[in-house]
Amino acid sequence: MNLLYDEKNDSHHYTIDTLTLHALSLGIPIVTNNEKEFNRVPNLKVENWIAG
């Protein structure tokens, strides 16, 4: 999996990848209701505060 921006990614994926890399570098979870988008990333903690 390549999390770095390339010409095939659109701005949405660039934003997702930037947030993901930042969270991984700090060791903090991503809090989102869109778990599917982030669960593809190994070692990333994902929390959904809406689903409980």
N, C-alpha and C. Protein backbone atom coordinates (compact mmCIF):
# COMPACT_ATOMS: atom_id res chain seq x y z
N MET A 1 0.84 -1.18 0.00
CA MET A 1 0.00 0.00 0.00
C MET A 1 0.89 1.24 0.00
N ASN A 2 0.62 2.10 -0.94
CA ASN A 2 1.36 3.35 -1.03
C ASN A 2 0.49 4.47 -0.50
N LEU A 3 0.90 5.08 0.59
CA LEU A 3 0.11 6.16 1.17
C LEU A 3 0.54 7.54 0.68
N LEU A 4 1.53 7.57 -0.19
CA LEU A 4 2.00 8.86 -0.67
C LEU A 4 1.20 9.29 -1.89
N TYR A 5 1.05 10.58 -2.04
CA TYR A 5 0.27 11.13 -3.14
C TYR A 5 0.93 10.84 -4.48
N ASP A 6 0.14 10.45 -5.45
CA ASP A 6 0.61 10.35 -6.82
C ASP A 6 -0.47 10.88 -7.75
N GLU A 7 -0.20 10.92 -9.03
CA GLU A 7 -1.13 11.53 -9.97
C GLU A 7 -2.45 10.77 -10.07
N LYS A 8 -2.48 9.50 -9.69
CA LYS A 8 -3.69 8.71 -9.78
C LYS A 8 -4.66 9.02 -8.65
N ASN A 9 -4.17 9.56 -7.55
CA ASN A 9 -5.03 9.91 -6.41
C ASN A 9 -5.65 11.27 -6.63
N ASP A 10 -6.85 11.44 -6.14
CA ASP A 10 -7.45 12.76 -6.18
C ASP A 10 -7.20 13.47 -4.86
N SER A 11 -7.70 14.68 -4.72
CA SER A 11 -7.43 15.47 -3.52
C SER A 11 -8.02 14.81 -2.27
N HIS A 12 -9.14 14.10 -2.40
CA HIS A 12 -9.73 13.40 -1.25
C HIS A 12 -8.75 12.39 -0.69
N HIS A 13 -8.17 11.57 -1.55
CA HIS A 13 -7.23 10.57 -1.07
C HIS A 13 -5.94 11.20 -0.53
N TYR A 14 -5.54 12.30 -1.12
CA TYR A 14 -4.37 13.00 -0.61
C TYR A 14 -4.62 13.46 0.83
N THR A 15 -5.80 13.99 1.09
CA THR A 15 -6.15 14.44 2.44
C THR A 15 -6.21 13.27 3.40
N ILE A 16 -6.84 12.17 2.99
CA ILE A 16 -6.93 10.97 3.82
C ILE A 16 -5.53 10.46 4.14
N ASP A 17 -4.68 10.38 3.13
CA ASP A 17 -3.33 9.87 3.34
C ASP A 17 -2.52 10.78 4.24
N THR A 18 -2.67 12.08 4.10
CA THR A 18 -1.95 13.03 4.95
C THR A 18 -2.38 12.87 6.41
N LEU A 19 -3.68 12.78 6.65
CA LEU A 19 -4.17 12.58 8.01
C LEU A 19 -3.67 11.25 8.59
N THR A 20 -3.69 10.22 7.76
CA THR A 20 -3.26 8.90 8.20
C THR A 20 -1.79 8.90 8.58
N LEU A 21 -0.95 9.46 7.73
CA LEU A 21 0.49 9.50 8.03
C LEU A 21 0.77 10.33 9.28
N HIS A 22 0.05 11.41 9.46
CA HIS A 22 0.24 12.25 10.64
C HIS A 22 -0.15 11.48 11.91
N ALA A 23 -1.29 10.81 11.88
CA ALA A 23 -1.72 10.03 13.04
C ALA A 23 -0.73 8.91 13.35
N LEU A 24 -0.25 8.23 12.33
CA LEU A 24 0.73 7.16 12.54
C LEU A 24 2.02 7.70 13.15
N SER A 25 2.47 8.85 12.67
CA SER A 25 3.72 9.42 13.18
C SER A 25 3.62 9.83 14.64
N LEU A 26 2.41 10.24 15.07
CA LEU A 26 2.20 10.65 16.46
C LEU A 26 1.72 9.51 17.35
N GLY A 27 1.34 8.39 16.73
CA GLY A 27 0.83 7.25 17.50
C GLY A 27 -0.55 7.50 18.09
N ILE A 28 -1.34 8.31 17.40
CA ILE A 28 -2.68 8.64 17.90
C ILE A 28 -3.74 8.02 16.98
N PRO A 29 -4.95 7.81 17.48
CA PRO A 29 -6.00 7.22 16.63
C PRO A 29 -6.64 8.26 15.72
N ILE A 30 -7.22 7.75 14.66
CA ILE A 30 -8.11 8.54 13.80
C ILE A 30 -9.52 8.35 14.34
N VAL A 31 -10.22 9.42 14.59
CA VAL A 31 -11.62 9.34 15.03
C VAL A 31 -12.48 9.68 13.83
N THR A 32 -13.27 8.71 13.39
CA THR A 32 -14.06 8.88 12.17
C THR A 32 -15.29 7.98 12.18
N ASN A 33 -16.27 8.36 11.42
CA ASN A 33 -17.43 7.51 11.19
C ASN A 33 -17.22 6.70 9.90
N ASN A 34 -16.13 6.94 9.21
CA ASN A 34 -15.79 6.28 7.95
C ASN A 34 -14.66 5.27 8.20
N GLU A 35 -14.94 4.26 8.97
CA GLU A 35 -13.93 3.28 9.34
C GLU A 35 -13.36 2.53 8.15
N LYS A 36 -14.19 2.25 7.15
CA LYS A 36 -13.74 1.48 5.99
C LYS A 36 -12.55 2.15 5.30
N GLU A 37 -12.57 3.45 5.20
CA GLU A 37 -11.50 4.19 4.52
C GLU A 37 -10.16 4.04 5.24
N PHE A 38 -10.20 3.95 6.57
CA PHE A 38 -8.96 3.94 7.33
C PHE A 38 -8.53 2.55 7.78
N ASN A 39 -9.43 1.59 7.81
CA ASN A 39 -9.08 0.23 8.26
C ASN A 39 -8.13 -0.47 7.30
N ARG A 40 -7.89 0.10 6.14
CA ARG A 40 -6.96 -0.49 5.17
C ARG A 40 -5.50 -0.28 5.57
N VAL A 41 -5.28 0.56 6.57
CA VAL A 41 -3.92 0.94 6.95
C VAL A 41 -3.46 0.11 8.15
N PRO A 42 -2.42 -0.70 7.98
CA PRO A 42 -1.90 -1.49 9.10
C PRO A 42 -1.39 -0.59 10.24
N ASN A 43 -1.62 -1.02 11.44
CA ASN A 43 -1.12 -0.35 12.66
C ASN A 43 -1.77 0.99 12.96
N LEU A 44 -2.78 1.39 12.21
CA LEU A 44 -3.49 2.63 12.50
C LEU A 44 -4.65 2.33 13.42
N LYS A 45 -4.71 3.06 14.53
CA LYS A 45 -5.84 2.92 15.46
C LYS A 45 -7.00 3.76 14.93
N VAL A 46 -8.17 3.12 14.81
CA VAL A 46 -9.35 3.81 14.30
C VAL A 46 -10.43 3.73 15.37
N GLU A 47 -11.02 4.87 15.71
CA GLU A 47 -12.11 4.93 16.66
C GLU A 47 -13.32 5.58 16.02
N ASN A 48 -14.49 5.00 16.29
CA ASN A 48 -15.74 5.56 15.80
C ASN A 48 -16.57 5.94 17.01
N TRP A 49 -16.66 7.22 17.30
CA TRP A 49 -17.40 7.69 18.46
C TRP A 49 -18.89 7.75 18.19
N ILE A 50 -19.31 7.68 16.95
CA ILE A 50 -20.72 7.69 16.60
C ILE A 50 -21.33 6.32 16.86
N ALA A 51 -20.65 5.27 16.43
CA ALA A 51 -21.16 3.90 16.55
C ALA A 51 -21.07 3.39 17.98
N GLY A 52 -20.23 4.02 18.77
CA GLY A 52 -20.11 3.62 20.17
C GLY A 52 -19.11 2.61 20.36
